[in-house]
Protein backbone atom coordinates (compact mmCIF):
# COMPACT_ATOMS: atom_id res chain seq x y z
CA MET A 1 109.73 177.71 40.86
CA LYS A 2 106.92 177.97 38.32
CA LYS A 3 103.30 177.90 39.46
CA GLY A 4 100.68 175.80 37.64
CA PHE A 5 98.95 172.46 37.50
CA THR A 6 100.64 169.18 36.76
CA LEU A 7 99.47 166.93 33.95
CA ILE A 8 98.15 164.40 36.49
CA GLU A 9 95.99 167.04 38.20
CA LEU A 10 94.51 168.17 34.88
CA VAL A 11 93.77 164.58 33.82
CA MET A 12 92.07 163.87 37.15
CA VAL A 13 89.83 166.94 36.78
CA ILE A 14 88.88 165.86 33.25
CA VAL A 15 88.07 162.34 34.48
CA ILE A 16 85.88 163.65 37.30
CA ILE A 17 84.00 166.02 34.97
CA SER A 18 83.49 163.16 32.48
CA ILE A 19 82.03 160.91 35.19
CA LEU A 20 79.66 163.65 36.33
CA ALA A 21 78.55 164.30 32.74
CA ALA A 22 77.98 160.58 32.13
CA ILE A 23 75.63 160.51 35.13
CA ALA A 24 73.84 163.82 34.50
CA ILE A 25 73.01 163.55 30.78
CA PRO A 26 70.83 160.39 30.99
CA LYS A 27 68.99 161.88 33.99
CA PHE A 28 68.28 165.06 32.04
CA VAL A 29 66.95 163.11 29.05
CA ASP A 30 64.69 161.08 31.36
CA LEU A 31 63.34 164.23 33.02
CA GLN A 32 62.66 165.75 29.60
CA SER A 33 60.66 162.69 28.56
CA ASN A 34 58.67 162.76 31.81
CA ALA A 35 57.89 166.45 31.29
CA LYS A 36 56.57 165.82 27.78
CA GLN A 37 54.39 162.95 29.04
CA ALA A 38 53.01 165.17 31.81
CA ALA A 39 52.25 167.94 29.29
CA CYS A 40 50.40 165.45 27.09
CA ASP A 41 48.40 164.16 30.08
CA GLY A 42 47.50 167.75 31.00
CA ASN A 43 46.33 168.41 27.44
CA ILE A 44 44.11 165.33 27.54
CA ALA A 45 42.56 166.54 30.80
CA THR A 46 41.91 169.94 29.22
CA ILE A 47 40.26 168.35 26.19
CA ARG A 48 38.12 166.10 28.40
CA SER A 49 36.94 169.12 30.41
CA SER A 50 36.03 170.95 27.22
CA ILE A 51 34.10 167.94 25.94
CA ALA A 52 32.19 167.78 29.24
CA ALA A 53 31.34 171.49 28.99
CA TYR A 54 30.22 171.07 25.36
CA TYR A 55 28.04 168.09 26.33
CA ALA A 56 26.51 169.98 29.26
CA LYS A 57 25.70 172.98 27.05
CA THR A 58 24.04 170.80 24.40
CA ALA A 59 22.16 168.86 27.10
CA VAL A 60 20.68 172.09 28.44
CA ALA A 61 19.59 172.92 24.90
CA GLY A 62 17.90 169.51 24.71
CA ASP A 63 20.28 167.69 22.35
CA ALA A 64 22.93 166.12 24.67
CA LEU A 65 25.58 165.57 22.02
CA PHE A 66 29.33 165.14 22.07
CA PRO A 67 31.37 167.11 19.50
CA GLY A 68 31.49 165.36 16.13
CA SER A 69 35.29 165.59 16.13
CA LEU A 70 38.02 167.33 18.08
CA THR A 71 38.69 169.54 15.08
CA GLN A 72 35.07 170.74 14.78
CA ASN A 73 35.30 174.54 14.46
CA THR A 74 32.50 175.41 16.88
CA PHE A 75 34.07 173.15 19.48
CA LYS A 76 37.61 174.55 19.07
CA HIS A 77 36.58 178.20 18.89
CA ASN A 78 34.13 178.17 21.81
CA TYR A 79 35.98 175.94 24.30
CA PHE A 80 39.68 176.75 23.96
CA ALA A 81 41.18 180.17 24.68
CA SER A 82 43.67 179.84 21.83
CA GLU A 83 40.87 178.58 19.54
CA ALA A 84 43.05 175.57 18.79
CA LEU A 85 43.23 172.08 20.21
CA PRO A 86 46.22 171.58 22.55
CA ALA A 87 48.89 169.60 20.72
CA CYS A 88 50.75 166.56 21.99
CA PRO A 89 54.45 167.42 22.50
CA TYR A 90 55.30 164.21 20.63
CA SER A 91 53.16 165.24 17.61
CA ILE A 92 50.82 162.27 18.07
CA ASP A 93 47.12 162.81 17.39
CA TYR A 94 44.70 162.17 20.23
CA VAL A 95 42.21 159.33 19.71
CA TYR A 96 38.61 160.49 20.12
CA SER A 97 35.27 158.67 19.95
CA SER A 98 32.38 161.00 19.14
CA ALA A 99 29.89 158.29 20.17
CA THR A 100 31.13 158.16 23.77
CA GLY A 101 33.01 161.46 24.09
CA VAL A 102 36.16 159.66 25.25
CA VAL A 103 39.63 161.00 24.47
CA ALA A 104 42.10 158.16 24.79
CA SER A 105 45.25 158.65 26.80
CA HIS A 106 48.40 157.37 25.18
CA SER A 107 51.94 156.75 26.35
CA HIS A 108 54.99 157.60 24.36
CA GLY A 109 57.98 155.38 23.69
CA ASP A 110 61.46 156.51 24.59
């Protein structure tokens, strides 16, 4: 008698693996999207902290100003370790108001 798997057994294994893959792939994509959104939110918090530090330093000097823009060289070089503004994982620019010092949070579509 020969040893091996029958065609029915092989088909059943393929069906079970297909069902598991159909469930796992959408969950993975959703987790990936959530991770990118969390990274973007963390970047916004970092930028807001840097703006607050910049404002505090200028206030001590007697000016009390927000950075003119997020890309202002003195702001980027003095307040970020990498000397560059953290980038949104979705490649969307952050919205910034130099009058109020507010960096707008934004959500990303799926």
